[in-house]
Amino acid sequence: MRIRLDIAYDGTHFRGWAKQPGLRTVQGTLEDALARIVGSEVQFVVAGRTDAGVHAAGQVAHVDLDETQWARIEGRPGRAASDPAASDSAASDPARSLARRMRGVLGAYPDVTVTRTSIAPEGFDARFSAVWRRYRYRLADAATGYDPMRRNDTTTLRAPLDVEVMDAAAQTLIGLHDFAAYCKPREGATTIRTLLDYRWLREADGVLIAEVKADAFCHSMVRALVGACAAVGEGRLSVDDVARLRDELTRTSAFKVLPARGLTLAEVGYPADDLLAVRAAQTRARRQR
């Protein structure tokens, strides 16, 4: 049985998504919580592996449960006797009630939660079926000031920023390109991506928000993209420089990659259910080239 999980977390005290021995990670925390419910180890597949300090409001993962594990979710014989809520919750909709049970295991006021669980449609793969990911970056400048209540999800720069030129620079990056200049290289991994949307705006409270949407992102790509546009906003780069640097295909010291704290994975998009398997096959084929 394949289960889809919708997940949110404050990444401040996690060493990223991916499970690592001896380190606290989102994947490790969630897998341990589910293992307590099903009685054995599980492994999640995620839409996008976020780095240390990056947050998520709309992360998506899936997990495959064997017959014995699913029986414990349903509350059939073999479930944990220490789980008194299992039979009542499973009787209505065991897949949906799993989110509530995991939240119970995670405890009060955790920094990661499962907002929804459901039986995944046929062909669904949290990673390979996705058609786009959308990130949001919060940036405060000299005109905004510092809000201690948002210190975990907002990066602060002391200089004043011109949001109009930042948005103009962002528009020059949209399209299918090799973003090697904006990625940390990983051996054997492509840096060609389709940037579907990139825009900057200043909200009513003065905070600058970047919305960045692509078919996929390579390592540190979003933080590099926002760092380049911040340099434009400060006047250290021109609007045309960000596209020129992209086309040079090499990492540069012309701008700083901004900290993870301001970055949130906002949403992951998927096609209609009847296209999930086709999309997954297409994505796998591209990644294996």
Protein backbone atom coordinates (compact mmCIF):
# COMPACT_ATOMS: atom_id res chain seq x y z
CA MET A 1 0.00 0.00 0.00
CA ARG A 2 1.48 3.36 -1.04
CA ILE A 3 0.61 6.27 1.26
CA ARG A 4 0.99 9.94 0.36
CA LEU A 5 2.01 12.27 3.22
CA ASP A 6 1.71 16.05 3.18
CA ILE A 7 4.26 17.54 5.55
CA ALA A 8 5.22 20.87 7.11
CA TYR A 9 8.25 21.73 9.24
CA ASP A 10 10.39 24.44 10.74
CA GLY A 11 13.84 23.46 9.50
CA THR A 12 15.81 25.50 12.03
CA HIS A 13 16.90 22.59 14.20
CA PHE A 14 17.06 19.90 11.51
CA ARG A 15 20.13 18.97 9.48
CA GLY A 16 18.01 18.89 6.37
CA TRP A 17 15.55 16.33 5.06
CA ALA A 18 17.77 13.34 4.30
CA LYS A 19 18.43 10.78 7.01
CA GLN A 20 22.00 10.87 8.32
CA PRO A 21 23.53 8.72 11.07
CA GLY A 22 23.77 10.56 14.38
CA LEU A 23 22.04 13.71 13.10
CA ARG A 24 18.49 14.98 13.59
CA THR A 25 16.75 15.14 10.22
CA VAL A 26 13.16 15.48 9.04
CA GLN A 27 13.18 12.12 7.31
CA GLY A 28 14.64 10.36 10.33
CA THR A 29 12.13 11.94 12.72
CA LEU A 30 9.12 11.03 10.57
CA GLU A 31 10.30 7.52 9.77
CA ASP A 32 10.85 6.83 13.46
CA ALA A 33 7.33 8.10 14.26
CA LEU A 34 5.70 5.89 11.63
CA ALA A 35 7.83 2.89 12.61
CA ARG A 36 6.39 3.12 16.13
CA ILE A 37 2.90 2.81 14.66
CA VAL A 38 3.52 0.00 12.15
CA GLY A 39 6.04 -1.90 14.27
CA SER A 40 8.93 -2.01 11.78
CA GLU A 41 11.22 0.21 9.73
CA VAL A 42 9.90 2.30 6.84
CA GLN A 43 11.52 4.48 4.19
CA PHE A 44 10.12 7.70 2.74
CA VAL A 45 10.55 9.05 -0.79
CA VAL A 46 10.27 12.85 -0.87
CA ALA A 47 9.41 15.42 -3.54
CA GLY A 48 12.42 17.60 -2.74
CA ARG A 49 15.29 17.09 -0.30
CA THR A 50 15.58 20.36 1.59
CA ASP A 51 18.93 21.47 3.04
CA ALA A 52 19.72 22.16 6.68
CA GLY A 53 17.69 25.11 7.97
CA VAL A 54 15.20 25.16 5.08
CA HIS A 55 11.51 25.05 6.01
CA ALA A 56 8.48 23.49 4.32
CA ALA A 57 4.79 24.31 4.25
CA GLY A 58 3.88 21.95 1.40
CA GLN A 59 6.39 19.09 1.34
CA VAL A 60 5.14 15.77 -0.10
CA ALA A 61 6.45 12.25 0.47
CA HIS A 62 5.29 8.70 -0.04
CA VAL A 63 5.90 5.46 1.84
CA ASP A 64 5.22 1.86 0.81
CA LEU A 65 3.77 -0.35 3.54
CA ASP A 66 3.76 -4.14 3.39
CA GLU A 67 0.76 -6.27 4.32
CA THR A 68 1.76 -6.61 7.97
CA GLN A 69 2.38 -2.89 8.37
CA TRP A 70 -0.90 -2.00 6.68
CA ALA A 71 -2.75 -4.43 8.95
CA ARG A 72 -1.54 -2.45 11.95
CA ILE A 73 -2.76 0.77 10.33
CA GLU A 74 -6.17 -0.81 9.78
CA GLY A 75 -6.28 -2.06 13.34
CA ARG A 76 -6.46 -5.72 12.35
CA PRO A 77 -4.86 -8.42 14.57
CA GLY A 78 -1.20 -7.70 15.15
CA ARG A 79 -1.55 -3.99 15.88
CA ALA A 80 0.19 -2.57 18.91
CA ALA A 81 -1.85 -3.11 22.07
CA SER A 82 -0.44 0.16 23.39
CA ASP A 83 -2.32 2.14 20.70
CA PRO A 84 -5.90 2.46 22.07
CA ALA A 85 -6.92 4.92 19.35
CA ALA A 86 -5.96 2.58 16.53
CA SER A 87 -9.24 0.65 16.21
CA ASP A 88 -11.50 3.70 16.41
CA SER A 89 -9.49 5.78 13.94
CA ALA A 90 -8.91 2.91 11.54
CA ALA A 91 -12.59 2.04 11.42
CA SER A 92 -13.48 5.26 9.61
CA ASP A 93 -10.57 5.82 7.23
CA PRO A 94 -7.23 4.27 8.25
CA ALA A 95 -5.15 6.09 5.63
CA ARG A 96 -6.49 9.52 6.58
CA SER A 97 -6.36 8.84 10.32
CA LEU A 98 -2.67 8.00 10.03
CA ALA A 99 -1.80 11.70 10.01
CA ARG A 100 -3.50 12.19 13.36
CA ARG A 101 -1.76 9.17 14.83
CA MET A 102 1.63 10.38 13.65
CA ARG A 103 0.97 13.80 15.14
CA GLY A 104 0.23 12.05 18.42
CA VAL A 105 3.59 10.26 18.30
CA LEU A 106 5.44 13.48 17.41
CA GLY A 107 4.04 15.13 20.54
CA ALA A 108 2.77 18.60 21.45
CA TYR A 109 4.20 21.56 19.52
CA PRO A 110 6.69 19.62 17.37
CA ASP A 111 8.73 21.40 14.69
CA VAL A 112 7.53 18.89 12.09
CA THR A 113 3.99 17.68 11.43
CA VAL A 114 2.03 15.54 8.99
CA THR A 115 -0.87 17.64 7.79
CA ARG A 116 -2.57 14.92 5.72
CA THR A 117 -2.21 11.28 4.73
CA SER A 118 -4.07 9.39 2.02
CA ILE A 119 -3.82 6.33 -0.20
CA ALA A 120 -1.73 7.41 -3.16
CA PRO A 121 -3.32 7.17 -6.62
CA GLU A 122 -1.96 4.47 -8.90
CA GLY A 123 1.31 5.55 -10.47
CA PHE A 124 2.03 8.24 -7.88
CA ASP A 125 5.67 8.87 -6.99
CA ALA A 126 6.29 11.84 -4.68
CA ARG A 127 9.60 12.63 -6.38
CA PHE A 128 9.29 11.60 -10.01
CA SER A 129 5.61 12.39 -10.61
CA ALA A 130 6.02 16.03 -9.58
CA VAL A 131 5.79 18.58 -12.39
CA TRP A 132 6.95 21.60 -10.40
CA ARG A 133 8.12 22.83 -7.01
CA ARG A 134 7.46 26.32 -5.66
CA TYR A 135 9.66 27.99 -3.07
CA ARG A 136 9.19 31.25 -1.16
CA TYR A 137 12.02 33.36 0.25
CA ARG A 138 11.48 36.05 2.93
CA LEU A 139 13.98 38.89 3.02
CA ALA A 140 14.00 41.96 5.27
CA ASP A 141 16.11 45.00 4.39
CA ALA A 142 17.04 48.31 6.04
CA ALA A 143 13.58 49.71 5.30
CA THR A 144 11.83 46.78 6.97
CA GLY A 145 13.56 46.39 10.29
CA TYR A 146 13.90 43.24 12.33
CA ASP A 147 10.94 41.19 13.57
CA PRO A 148 12.07 38.78 16.31
CA MET A 149 8.86 36.78 15.88
CA ARG A 150 9.92 35.85 12.34
CA ARG A 151 13.62 35.35 13.01
CA ASN A 152 13.53 31.67 12.03
CA ASP A 153 12.08 32.15 8.54
CA THR A 154 13.40 35.57 7.47
CA THR A 155 16.85 36.62 6.33
CA THR A 156 17.87 40.20 7.11
CA LEU A 157 20.18 42.40 5.05
CA ARG A 158 21.25 45.79 6.37
CA ALA A 159 21.22 47.54 2.99
CA PRO A 160 18.09 49.04 1.40
CA LEU A 161 16.89 46.97 -1.57
CA ASP A 162 15.19 48.09 -4.78
CA VAL A 163 12.50 45.47 -5.32
CA GLU A 164 11.59 46.69 -8.81
CA VAL A 165 15.06 46.06 -10.26
CA MET A 166 15.23 42.75 -8.38
CA ASP A 167 12.01 41.65 -10.04
CA ALA A 168 13.29 42.79 -13.45
CA ALA A 169 16.46 40.76 -12.96
CA ALA A 170 14.45 37.71 -11.91
CA GLN A 171 12.43 37.82 -15.12
CA THR A 172 15.61 37.48 -17.22
CA LEU A 173 16.30 34.05 -15.71
CA ILE A 174 12.99 32.38 -16.60
CA GLY A 175 13.07 29.52 -19.09
CA LEU A 176 14.99 26.33 -19.89
CA HIS A 177 18.68 26.90 -19.11
CA ASP A 178 21.79 25.34 -17.67
CA PHE A 179 21.94 26.78 -14.15
CA ALA A 180 25.41 25.46 -13.31
CA ALA A 181 26.43 28.97 -12.17
CA TYR A 182 23.62 28.89 -9.60
CA CYS A 183 24.08 25.35 -8.29
CA LYS A 184 26.52 23.44 -6.13
CA PRO A 185 27.78 20.73 -8.48
CA ARG A 186 27.02 17.08 -7.76
CA GLU A 187 28.85 14.41 -9.72
CA GLY A 188 26.71 12.94 -12.46
CA ALA A 189 23.77 15.31 -11.85
CA THR A 190 22.45 17.63 -14.53
CA THR A 191 22.10 21.36 -13.84
CA ILE A 192 19.64 21.96 -16.68
CA ARG A 193 16.31 23.13 -15.30
CA THR A 194 13.17 24.94 -16.49
CA LEU A 195 12.56 28.00 -14.33
CA LEU A 196 8.81 28.47 -14.72
CA ASP A 197 8.36 31.63 -12.66
CA TYR A 198 10.52 33.97 -10.60
CA ARG A 199 9.27 37.24 -9.16
CA TRP A 200 9.87 39.64 -6.27
CA LEU A 201 7.38 41.81 -4.40
CA ARG A 202 7.29 43.85 -1.21
CA GLU A 203 4.45 43.00 1.15
CA ALA A 204 2.47 45.47 3.26
CA ASP A 205 4.80 44.98 6.23
CA GLY A 206 7.80 45.84 4.05
CA VAL A 207 9.24 42.32 3.81
CA LEU A 208 10.47 41.29 0.36
CA ILE A 209 9.12 37.99 -0.94
CA ALA A 210 10.58 35.92 -3.76
CA GLU A 211 8.37 33.32 -5.44
CA VAL A 212 10.44 30.80 -7.39
CA LYS A 213 8.89 27.94 -9.36
CA ALA A 214 10.65 25.31 -11.50
CA ASP A 215 10.27 21.76 -12.70
CA ALA A 216 13.04 20.89 -10.25
CA PHE A 217 15.94 22.58 -8.47
CA CYS A 218 19.56 21.60 -8.11
CA HIS A 219 21.51 21.94 -4.87
CA SER A 220 21.40 25.51 -3.39
CA MET A 221 19.86 26.87 -6.61
CA VAL A 222 17.07 28.92 -5.02
CA ARG A 223 19.36 30.54 -2.46
CA ALA A 224 21.82 31.44 -5.22
CA LEU A 225 19.05 32.91 -7.38
CA VAL A 226 17.79 35.12 -4.57
CA GLY A 227 21.34 36.09 -3.65
CA ALA A 228 22.01 37.28 -7.18
CA CYS A 229 18.85 39.39 -7.26
CA ALA A 230 19.62 40.81 -3.81
CA ALA A 231 22.97 41.97 -5.21
CA VAL A 232 21.03 43.72 -7.99
CA GLY A 233 18.76 45.32 -5.40
CA GLU A 234 21.80 46.63 -3.53
CA GLY A 235 23.29 48.03 -6.75
CA ARG A 236 26.27 45.67 -6.82
CA LEU A 237 25.06 43.94 -10.01
CA SER A 238 23.01 45.18 -12.95
CA VAL A 239 19.76 43.64 -14.16
CA ASP A 240 21.55 42.10 -17.14
CA ASP A 241 24.37 40.64 -15.03
CA VAL A 242 22.32 37.78 -13.58
CA ALA A 243 21.59 36.26 -17.00
CA ARG A 244 25.15 36.89 -18.15
CA LEU A 245 26.54 35.08 -15.10
CA ARG A 246 24.12 32.20 -15.71
CA ASP A 247 25.34 31.78 -19.27
CA GLU A 248 28.99 31.64 -18.15
CA LEU A 249 28.12 28.29 -16.52
CA THR A 250 30.65 28.64 -13.68
CA ARG A 251 30.25 29.49 -10.01
CA THR A 252 31.11 33.09 -9.20
CA SER A 253 31.90 35.30 -6.20
CA ALA A 254 29.92 38.21 -7.71
CA PHE A 255 27.09 37.57 -5.24
CA LYS A 256 26.48 35.67 -2.01
CA VAL A 257 24.27 32.62 -1.65
CA LEU A 258 21.74 33.74 0.97
CA PRO A 259 21.13 31.76 4.20
CA ALA A 260 18.72 28.84 4.41
CA ARG A 261 16.59 30.45 7.15
CA GLY A 262 14.57 32.56 4.70
CA LEU A 263 13.64 29.67 2.41
CA THR A 264 10.42 27.64 2.51
CA LEU A 265 9.21 24.89 0.19
CA ALA A 266 5.68 26.20 -0.35
CA GLU A 267 4.04 23.72 -2.72
CA VAL A 268 4.61 20.74 -5.02
CA GLY A 269 2.51 20.32 -8.15
CA TYR A 270 1.38 17.03 -9.72
CA PRO A 271 -0.51 16.19 -12.93
CA ALA A 272 -3.94 14.57 -13.08
CA ASP A 273 -4.07 11.08 -11.60
CA ASP A 274 -4.14 9.36 -15.00
CA LEU A 275 -0.85 11.07 -15.94
CA LEU A 276 1.11 10.33 -12.75
CA ALA A 277 2.81 7.16 -14.02
CA VAL A 278 3.64 8.74 -17.38
CA ARG A 279 5.21 11.75 -15.70
CA ALA A 280 7.25 9.53 -13.36
CA ALA A 281 8.59 7.50 -16.30
CA GLN A 282 9.51 10.65 -18.21
CA THR A 283 11.35 12.15 -15.23
CA ARG A 284 13.28 8.96 -14.49
CA ALA A 285 14.37 8.75 -18.13
CA ARG A 286 15.73 12.31 -18.06
CA ARG A 287 17.57 11.80 -14.77
CA GLN A 288 19.26 8.62 -16.07
CA ARG A 289 20.74 10.24 -19.18
